[in-house]
Amino acid sequence: MTRENQVAANRRTLPGLRWPGGRHVAVVLNVAYEVWSEGQASGVGPMGNPLPAGIFDSNADSYGRYGAVDGIRRLMRKLKQARATADVFTSGALAERQPLSTTGPIS
């Protein structure tokens, strides 16, 4: 089935399906608000390459700390400026360390 035929078939089988405002696309934004365990960092380097055993990634440690302290507030401000909403998923470690930052909207 060609793409055009598939689109036409979907229109026939899903009558009345329309995005709000007649838009043609929907976007879902998810934010991973998380930190590493104390003294730990990701085992994957910034380019997605696994690190050798025993190698501590200070870069991952740095962005993990930034994201949990300043990055999340900056990102939430940008979402607010864009009048966009997002689902924010947090880790248990972060909820334990900074409970006030995980109980509601961050401004």
C-alpha atoms as a PDB file:
ATOM      1  CA  MET A   1       0.000   0.000   0.000  1.00  0.00           C
ATOM      2  CA  THR A   2       1.421   3.405  -0.922  1.00  0.00           C
ATOM      3  CA  ARG A   3       1.645   6.155   1.660  1.00  0.00           C
ATOM      4  CA  GLU A   4      -1.162   8.076  -0.042  1.00  0.00           C
ATOM      5  CA  ASN A   5      -3.426   5.011   0.024  1.00  0.00           C
ATOM      6  CA  GLN A   6      -2.601   4.411   3.673  1.00  0.00           C
ATOM      7  CA  VAL A   7      -3.458   8.018   4.591  1.00  0.00           C
ATOM      8  CA  ALA A   8      -6.725   7.784   2.641  1.00  0.00           C
ATOM      9  CA  ALA A   9      -7.559   4.483   4.384  1.00  0.00           C
ATOM     10  CA  ASN A  10      -6.915   6.042   7.793  1.00  0.00           C
ATOM     11  CA  ARG A  11      -9.231   8.913   6.983  1.00  0.00           C
ATOM     12  CA  ARG A  12     -11.975   6.477   6.031  1.00  0.00           C
ATOM     13  CA  THR A  13     -11.558   4.317   9.133  1.00  0.00           C
ATOM     14  CA  LEU A  14     -11.241   7.186  11.619  1.00  0.00           C
ATOM     15  CA  PRO A  15     -14.021   9.628  10.750  1.00  0.00           C
ATOM     16  CA  GLY A  16     -14.100  12.796  12.783  1.00  0.00           C
ATOM     17  CA  LEU A  17     -10.539  12.498  14.037  1.00  0.00           C
ATOM     18  CA  ARG A  18      -9.191  16.028  14.094  1.00  0.00           C
ATOM     19  CA  TRP A  19      -6.512  17.779  16.127  1.00  0.00           C
ATOM     20  CA  PRO A  20      -7.641  20.885  18.055  1.00  0.00           C
ATOM     21  CA  GLY A  21      -7.770  24.007  15.938  1.00  0.00           C
ATOM     22  CA  GLY A  22      -7.603  22.005  12.710  1.00  0.00           C
ATOM     23  CA  ARG A  23      -3.898  21.422  13.184  1.00  0.00           C
ATOM     24  CA  HIS A  24      -2.180  18.667  11.247  1.00  0.00           C
ATOM     25  CA  VAL A  25       0.335  17.524  13.841  1.00  0.00           C
ATOM     26  CA  ALA A  26       0.580  16.987  17.597  1.00  0.00           C
ATOM     27  CA  VAL A  27       3.712  17.332  19.717  1.00  0.00           C
ATOM     28  CA  VAL A  28       4.305  15.726  23.094  1.00  0.00           C
ATOM     29  CA  LEU A  29       7.008  17.169  25.334  1.00  0.00           C
ATOM     30  CA  ASN A  30       8.533  15.067  28.099  1.00  0.00           C
ATOM     31  CA  VAL A  31      11.209  16.240  30.513  1.00  0.00           C
ATOM     32  CA  ALA A  32      13.457  13.784  32.345  1.00  0.00           C
ATOM     33  CA  TYR A  33      14.177  15.537  35.668  1.00  0.00           C
ATOM     34  CA  GLU A  34      16.672  13.221  37.283  1.00  0.00           C
ATOM     35  CA  VAL A  35      20.037  12.905  38.968  1.00  0.00           C
ATOM     36  CA  TRP A  36      22.593  10.170  39.382  1.00  0.00           C
ATOM     37  CA  SER A  37      23.017   8.314  42.637  1.00  0.00           C
ATOM     38  CA  GLU A  38      25.468  10.077  44.953  1.00  0.00           C
ATOM     39  CA  GLY A  39      29.031   9.554  43.719  1.00  0.00           C
ATOM     40  CA  GLN A  40      27.817   7.952  40.478  1.00  0.00           C
ATOM     41  CA  ALA A  41      27.414   9.143  36.897  1.00  0.00           C
ATOM     42  CA  SER A  42      26.166   7.699  33.665  1.00  0.00           C
ATOM     43  CA  GLY A  43      28.113   4.794  32.230  1.00  0.00           C
ATOM     44  CA  VAL A  44      27.588   6.200  28.754  1.00  0.00           C
ATOM     45  CA  GLY A  45      29.607   9.093  27.382  1.00  0.00           C
ATOM     46  CA  PRO A  46      28.049  12.192  25.778  1.00  0.00           C
ATOM     47  CA  MET A  47      28.246  10.661  22.293  1.00  0.00           C
ATOM     48  CA  GLY A  48      26.474   7.479  23.420  1.00  0.00           C
ATOM     49  CA  ASN A  49      29.628   5.416  23.735  1.00  0.00           C
ATOM     50  CA  PRO A  50      29.900   3.062  26.733  1.00  0.00           C
ATOM     51  CA  LEU A  51      32.747   4.014  29.030  1.00  0.00           C
ATOM     52  CA  PRO A  52      35.331   1.484  30.174  1.00  0.00           C
ATOM     53  CA  ALA A  53      34.699  -0.010  33.624  1.00  0.00           C
ATOM     54  CA  GLY A  54      36.013   2.177  36.421  1.00  0.00           C
ATOM     55  CA  ILE A  55      36.055   5.415  34.381  1.00  0.00           C
ATOM     56  CA  PHE A  56      34.181   8.253  36.096  1.00  0.00           C
ATOM     57  CA  ASP A  57      32.507  10.647  33.666  1.00  0.00           C
ATOM     58  CA  SER A  58      32.949  14.078  35.234  1.00  0.00           C
ATOM     59  CA  ASN A  59      31.027  15.646  32.340  1.00  0.00           C
ATOM     60  CA  ALA A  60      27.944  13.518  33.119  1.00  0.00           C
ATOM     61  CA  ASP A  61      28.327  14.389  36.800  1.00  0.00           C
ATOM     62  CA  SER A  62      28.425  18.081  35.879  1.00  0.00           C
ATOM     63  CA  TYR A  63      25.338  18.103  33.651  1.00  0.00           C
ATOM     64  CA  GLY A  64      23.462  15.926  36.133  1.00  0.00           C
ATOM     65  CA  ARG A  65      24.076  18.460  38.889  1.00  0.00           C
ATOM     66  CA  TYR A  66      23.283  21.430  36.614  1.00  0.00           C
ATOM     67  CA  GLY A  67      20.033  19.906  35.414  1.00  0.00           C
ATOM     68  CA  ALA A  68      18.776  19.201  38.907  1.00  0.00           C
ATOM     69  CA  VAL A  69      19.641  22.634  40.279  1.00  0.00           C
ATOM     70  CA  ASP A  70      19.496  25.264  37.520  1.00  0.00           C
ATOM     71  CA  GLY A  71      18.608  23.485  34.301  1.00  0.00           C
ATOM     72  CA  ILE A  72      15.100  22.470  35.323  1.00  0.00           C
ATOM     73  CA  ARG A  73      14.166  26.009  36.353  1.00  0.00           C
ATOM     74  CA  ARG A  74      15.512  27.422  33.084  1.00  0.00           C
ATOM     75  CA  LEU A  75      13.670  24.808  31.046  1.00  0.00           C
ATOM     76  CA  MET A  76      10.393  25.439  32.876  1.00  0.00           C
ATOM     77  CA  ARG A  77      10.739  29.192  32.258  1.00  0.00           C
ATOM     78  CA  LYS A  78      11.281  28.539  28.540  1.00  0.00           C
ATOM     79  CA  LEU A  79       8.244  26.267  28.378  1.00  0.00           C
ATOM     80  CA  LYS A  80       6.173  28.939  30.114  1.00  0.00           C
ATOM     81  CA  GLN A  81       7.413  31.636  27.713  1.00  0.00           C
ATOM     82  CA  ALA A  82       6.413  29.412  24.786  1.00  0.00           C
ATOM     83  CA  ARG A  83       3.045  28.692  26.443  1.00  0.00           C
ATOM     84  CA  ALA A  84       3.868  25.001  26.115  1.00  0.00           C
ATOM     85  CA  THR A  85       3.107  22.234  28.550  1.00  0.00           C
ATOM     86  CA  ALA A  86       5.189  19.158  29.246  1.00  0.00           C
ATOM     87  CA  ASP A  87       5.089  16.027  31.343  1.00  0.00           C
ATOM     88  CA  VAL A  88       7.958  15.999  33.818  1.00  0.00           C
ATOM     89  CA  PHE A  89       9.263  12.636  34.967  1.00  0.00           C
ATOM     90  CA  THR A  90      11.449  12.646  38.053  1.00  0.00           C
ATOM     91  CA  SER A  91      13.662  10.067  39.685  1.00  0.00           C
ATOM     92  CA  GLY A  92      13.215   8.852  43.249  1.00  0.00           C
ATOM     93  CA  ALA A  93      16.733  10.031  44.109  1.00  0.00           C
ATOM     94  CA  LEU A  94      15.822  13.588  43.168  1.00  0.00           C
ATOM     95  CA  ALA A  95      12.517  13.459  45.020  1.00  0.00           C
ATOM     96  CA  GLU A  96      14.411  12.405  48.160  1.00  0.00           C
ATOM     97  CA  ARG A  97      17.155  15.045  47.821  1.00  0.00           C
ATOM     98  CA  GLN A  98      15.004  17.989  46.764  1.00  0.00           C
ATOM     99  CA  PRO A  99      11.410  17.198  47.755  1.00  0.00           C
ATOM    100  CA  LEU A 100      10.151  20.762  47.370  1.00  0.00           C
ATOM    101  CA  SER A 101      11.233  20.852  43.719  1.00  0.00           C
ATOM    102  CA  THR A 102       9.126  17.792  42.903  1.00  0.00           C
ATOM    103  CA  THR A 103       5.839  18.723  44.554  1.00  0.00           C
ATOM    104  CA  GLY A 104       4.470  21.093  41.932  1.00  0.00           C
ATOM    105  CA  PRO A 105       5.222  23.567  39.179  1.00  0.00           C
ATOM    106  CA  ILE A 106       8.748  24.934  39.130  1.00  0.00           C
ATOM    107  CA  SER A 107       9.088  28.630  38.421  1.00  0.00           C
END
